Amino acid sequence: MDSELGMNTTVDSNSTFWKSAEANRTSPQSLSTSFGTVSYAKAAVFWTIFVVGASGNLLVIAVGVKGHGKGNKGQTLVTRMFICCLAVSDLGVMLTATWTSAMSAIRPNWIYGSFFCKLETLWANMSSKMSATMLSVIAVDRSDN
């Protein structure tokens, strides 16, 4: 059937495609080196997110706790409480998900034991759900005014 259509079904081992594929094949050493570089780059991004996110949320909590001064008449106590709860839940996500992702990028095996694995999973899920809930509550509170 292929010969009727004029198609060549045999593969020529001397063709340019196969030669270029062999020439571009990387060695296992260079592949592991590039994987290591990528994993350290990913870990650096996760650590940057962790530092910026944790410090930002700590600042939001500090301003929210201190914030009932004479010059801050725009926010009510309830609004500040919601924003502080959101910052606490985001801080929980920062303290669990980002640094464990950074460590997993460098070292794919879990080295912290089964108890901390369960605790980290529980806290990450609770913090994520609490963040989504607090965003919903803030949206309802803002739309009510």
C-alpha atoms as a PDB file:
ATOM      1  CA  MET A   1       0.000   0.000   0.000  1.00  0.00           C
ATOM      2  CA  ASP A   2       2.839   2.387   0.848  1.00  0.00           C
ATOM      3  CA  SER A   3       4.555   1.635  -2.455  1.00  0.00           C
ATOM      4  CA  GLU A   4       1.367   2.548  -4.296  1.00  0.00           C
ATOM      5  CA  LEU A   5       1.449   6.009  -2.692  1.00  0.00           C
ATOM      6  CA  GLY A   6       5.127   6.429  -3.375  1.00  0.00           C
ATOM      7  CA  MET A   7       6.112   6.536   0.327  1.00  0.00           C
ATOM      8  CA  ASN A   8       9.412   5.152   1.503  1.00  0.00           C
ATOM      9  CA  THR A   9       8.909   3.106   4.697  1.00  0.00           C
ATOM     10  CA  THR A  10      12.532   2.146   5.271  1.00  0.00           C
ATOM     11  CA  VAL A  11      14.785   4.149   7.596  1.00  0.00           C
ATOM     12  CA  ASP A  12      18.210   5.018   6.306  1.00  0.00           C
ATOM     13  CA  SER A  13      20.721   4.859   9.181  1.00  0.00           C
ATOM     14  CA  ASN A  14      23.011   7.264   7.304  1.00  0.00           C
ATOM     15  CA  SER A  15      20.379   9.990   7.046  1.00  0.00           C
ATOM     16  CA  THR A  16      21.102  13.462   8.318  1.00  0.00           C
ATOM     17  CA  PHE A  17      18.351  13.257  10.949  1.00  0.00           C
ATOM     18  CA  TRP A  18      19.864  10.254  12.732  1.00  0.00           C
ATOM     19  CA  LYS A  19      23.391  11.713  12.597  1.00  0.00           C
ATOM     20  CA  SER A  20      22.272  15.023  14.101  1.00  0.00           C
ATOM     21  CA  ALA A  21      20.314  13.207  16.819  1.00  0.00           C
ATOM     22  CA  GLU A  22      23.419  11.222  17.788  1.00  0.00           C
ATOM     23  CA  ALA A  23      25.551  14.363  17.819  1.00  0.00           C
ATOM     24  CA  ASN A  24      23.095  16.226  20.059  1.00  0.00           C
ATOM     25  CA  ARG A  25      22.702  13.420  22.576  1.00  0.00           C
ATOM     26  CA  THR A  26      23.993  14.507  25.979  1.00  0.00           C
ATOM     27  CA  SER A  27      26.054  12.409  28.295  1.00  0.00           C
ATOM     28  CA  PRO A  28      24.618  11.341  31.684  1.00  0.00           C
ATOM     29  CA  GLN A  29      27.158  13.557  33.456  1.00  0.00           C
ATOM     30  CA  SER A  30      26.119  16.733  31.633  1.00  0.00           C
ATOM     31  CA  LEU A  31      22.455  15.808  32.119  1.00  0.00           C
ATOM     32  CA  SER A  32      22.906  15.478  35.896  1.00  0.00           C
ATOM     33  CA  THR A  33      24.856  18.735  35.993  1.00  0.00           C
ATOM     34  CA  SER A  34      22.109  20.620  34.186  1.00  0.00           C
ATOM     35  CA  PHE A  35      19.468  19.029  36.444  1.00  0.00           C
ATOM     36  CA  GLY A  36      21.457  20.111  39.516  1.00  0.00           C
ATOM     37  CA  THR A  37      21.713  23.665  38.226  1.00  0.00           C
ATOM     38  CA  VAL A  38      17.987  23.815  37.522  1.00  0.00           C
ATOM     39  CA  SER A  39      17.111  22.359  40.911  1.00  0.00           C
ATOM     40  CA  TYR A  40      19.295  24.890  42.731  1.00  0.00           C
ATOM     41  CA  ALA A  41      17.745  27.698  40.677  1.00  0.00           C
ATOM     42  CA  LYS A  42      14.265  26.478  41.609  1.00  0.00           C
ATOM     43  CA  ALA A  43      15.301  26.268  45.254  1.00  0.00           C
ATOM     44  CA  ALA A  44      16.629  29.833  45.118  1.00  0.00           C
ATOM     45  CA  VAL A  45      13.300  31.039  43.734  1.00  0.00           C
ATOM     46  CA  PHE A  46      11.392  29.205  46.479  1.00  0.00           C
ATOM     47  CA  TRP A  47      13.693  30.633  49.186  1.00  0.00           C
ATOM     48  CA  THR A  48      13.199  34.132  47.787  1.00  0.00           C
ATOM     49  CA  ILE A  49       9.427  33.653  47.866  1.00  0.00           C
ATOM     50  CA  PHE A  50       9.727  32.365  51.425  1.00  0.00           C
ATOM     51  CA  VAL A  51      11.787  35.320  52.680  1.00  0.00           C
ATOM     52  CA  VAL A  52       9.688  37.985  50.952  1.00  0.00           C
ATOM     53  CA  GLY A  53       6.367  36.345  51.836  1.00  0.00           C
ATOM     54  CA  ALA A  54       7.209  35.640  55.466  1.00  0.00           C
ATOM     55  CA  SER A  55       8.632  39.107  56.119  1.00  0.00           C
ATOM     56  CA  GLY A  56       5.719  40.782  54.339  1.00  0.00           C
ATOM     57  CA  ASN A  57       3.133  38.839  56.304  1.00  0.00           C
ATOM     58  CA  LEU A  58       4.953  39.542  59.566  1.00  0.00           C
ATOM     59  CA  LEU A  59       4.859  43.260  58.736  1.00  0.00           C
ATOM     60  CA  VAL A  60       1.124  43.076  57.983  1.00  0.00           C
ATOM     61  CA  ILE A  61       0.543  41.357  61.338  1.00  0.00           C
ATOM     62  CA  ALA A  62       2.650  43.963  63.163  1.00  0.00           C
ATOM     63  CA  VAL A  63       0.782  46.858  61.542  1.00  0.00           C
ATOM     64  CA  GLY A  64      -2.564  45.181  62.175  1.00  0.00           C
ATOM     65  CA  VAL A  65      -1.831  44.609  65.852  1.00  0.00           C
ATOM     66  CA  LYS A  66      -0.413  48.084  66.404  1.00  0.00           C
ATOM     67  CA  GLY A  67      -2.704  49.849  63.942  1.00  0.00           C
ATOM     68  CA  HIS A  68      -5.398  51.394  66.145  1.00  0.00           C
ATOM     69  CA  GLY A  69      -3.736  54.788  66.414  1.00  0.00           C
ATOM     70  CA  LYS A  70      -5.211  58.225  65.951  1.00  0.00           C
ATOM     71  CA  GLY A  71      -4.107  58.494  62.339  1.00  0.00           C
ATOM     72  CA  ASN A  72      -5.669  55.203  61.196  1.00  0.00           C
ATOM     73  CA  LYS A  73      -9.378  55.978  60.944  1.00  0.00           C
ATOM     74  CA  GLY A  74      -9.997  54.185  57.642  1.00  0.00           C
ATOM     75  CA  GLN A  75     -10.000  50.610  58.948  1.00  0.00           C
ATOM     76  CA  THR A  76     -12.320  49.183  61.517  1.00  0.00           C
ATOM     77  CA  LEU A  77     -11.283  46.600  64.049  1.00  0.00           C
ATOM     78  CA  VAL A  78     -13.129  43.871  62.138  1.00  0.00           C
ATOM     79  CA  THR A  79     -11.348  44.688  58.876  1.00  0.00           C
ATOM     80  CA  ARG A  80      -7.950  44.664  60.577  1.00  0.00           C
ATOM     81  CA  MET A  81      -8.819  41.373  62.260  1.00  0.00           C
ATOM     82  CA  PHE A  82      -9.705  39.792  58.897  1.00  0.00           C
ATOM     83  CA  ILE A  83      -6.502  41.068  57.289  1.00  0.00           C
ATOM     84  CA  CYS A  84      -4.409  39.831  60.214  1.00  0.00           C
ATOM     85  CA  CYS A  85      -6.062  36.392  60.023  1.00  0.00           C
ATOM     86  CA  LEU A  86      -5.314  36.283  56.302  1.00  0.00           C
ATOM     87  CA  ALA A  87      -1.687  37.223  57.016  1.00  0.00           C
ATOM     88  CA  VAL A  88      -1.428  34.475  59.653  1.00  0.00           C
ATOM     89  CA  SER A  89      -2.812  31.871  57.259  1.00  0.00           C
ATOM     90  CA  ASP A  90      -0.495  33.054  54.474  1.00  0.00           C
ATOM     91  CA  LEU A  91       2.388  32.875  56.915  1.00  0.00           C
ATOM     92  CA  GLY A  92       1.378  29.280  57.609  1.00  0.00           C
ATOM     93  CA  VAL A  93       1.586  28.531  53.893  1.00  0.00           C
ATOM     94  CA  MET A  94       4.980  30.244  53.732  1.00  0.00           C
ATOM     95  CA  LEU A  95       6.275  28.252  56.711  1.00  0.00           C
ATOM     96  CA  THR A  96       5.200  24.904  55.292  1.00  0.00           C
ATOM     97  CA  ALA A  97       4.817  24.799  51.536  1.00  0.00           C
ATOM     98  CA  THR A  98       7.595  27.032  50.250  1.00  0.00           C
ATOM     99  CA  TRP A  99      10.574  25.802  52.229  1.00  0.00           C
ATOM    100  CA  THR A 100       9.601  22.152  51.790  1.00  0.00           C
ATOM    101  CA  SER A 101       9.302  22.777  48.036  1.00  0.00           C
ATOM    102  CA  ALA A 102      12.739  24.391  48.077  1.00  0.00           C
ATOM    103  CA  MET A 103      14.235  21.433  49.916  1.00  0.00           C
ATOM    104  CA  SER A 104      12.453  18.976  47.613  1.00  0.00           C
ATOM    105  CA  ALA A 105      13.958  20.737  44.591  1.00  0.00           C
ATOM    106  CA  ILE A 106      17.452  20.120  45.955  1.00  0.00           C
ATOM    107  CA  ARG A 107      16.911  16.746  47.583  1.00  0.00           C
ATOM    108  CA  PRO A 108      13.981  14.713  46.178  1.00  0.00           C
ATOM    109  CA  ASN A 109      13.857  12.310  49.147  1.00  0.00           C
ATOM    110  CA  TRP A 110      11.893  13.273  52.261  1.00  0.00           C
ATOM    111  CA  ILE A 111      14.391  13.296  55.130  1.00  0.00           C
ATOM    112  CA  TYR A 112      12.288  14.666  57.975  1.00  0.00           C
ATOM    113  CA  GLY A 113      10.462  11.530  59.075  1.00  0.00           C
ATOM    114  CA  SER A 114       6.881  10.338  58.784  1.00  0.00           C
ATOM    115  CA  PHE A 115       5.505  12.422  61.685  1.00  0.00           C
ATOM    116  CA  PHE A 116       6.684  15.702  60.191  1.00  0.00           C
ATOM    117  CA  CYS A 117       5.456  14.579  56.768  1.00  0.00           C
ATOM    118  CA  LYS A 118       1.943  14.178  58.159  1.00  0.00           C
ATOM    119  CA  LEU A 119       2.183  17.388  60.187  1.00  0.00           C
ATOM    120  CA  GLU A 120       3.442  19.401  57.218  1.00  0.00           C
ATOM    121  CA  THR A 121       0.674  18.065  54.982  1.00  0.00           C
ATOM    122  CA  LEU A 122      -1.979  18.840  57.600  1.00  0.00           C
ATOM    123  CA  TRP A 123      -0.695  22.373  58.240  1.00  0.00           C
ATOM    124  CA  ALA A 124      -0.261  23.180  54.525  1.00  0.00           C
ATOM    125  CA  ASN A 125      -3.808  22.047  53.748  1.00  0.00           C
ATOM    126  CA  MET A 126      -5.281  23.876  56.744  1.00  0.00           C
ATOM    127  CA  SER A 127      -3.412  27.083  55.923  1.00  0.00           C
ATOM    128  CA  SER A 128      -4.466  26.989  52.282  1.00  0.00           C
ATOM    129  CA  LYS A 129      -8.101  26.453  53.154  1.00  0.00           C
ATOM    130  CA  MET A 130      -7.936  29.142  55.832  1.00  0.00           C
ATOM    131  CA  SER A 131      -6.475  31.614  53.301  1.00  0.00           C
ATOM    132  CA  ALA A 132      -9.270  30.926  50.819  1.00  0.00           C
ATOM    133  CA  THR A 133     -11.897  31.218  53.559  1.00  0.00           C
ATOM    134  CA  MET A 134     -10.488  34.511  54.835  1.00  0.00           C
ATOM    135  CA  LEU A 135     -10.413  35.946  51.309  1.00  0.00           C
ATOM    136  CA  SER A 136     -14.076  34.999  50.920  1.00  0.00           C
ATOM    137  CA  VAL A 137     -14.989  36.557  54.276  1.00  0.00           C
ATOM    138  CA  ILE A 138     -13.114  39.766  53.404  1.00  0.00           C
ATOM    139  CA  ALA A 139     -14.918  39.938  50.052  1.00  0.00           C
ATOM    140  CA  VAL A 140     -18.323  39.521  51.727  1.00  0.00           C
ATOM    141  CA  ASP A 141     -17.415  42.125  54.352  1.00  0.00           C
ATOM    142  CA  ARG A 142     -16.296  44.615  51.708  1.00  0.00           C
ATOM    143  CA  SER A 143     -19.370  44.088  49.520  1.00  0.00           C
ATOM    144  CA  ASP A 144     -21.647  44.576  52.521  1.00  0.00           C
ATOM    145  CA  ASN A 145     -20.392  48.137  53.106  1.00  0.00           C
END
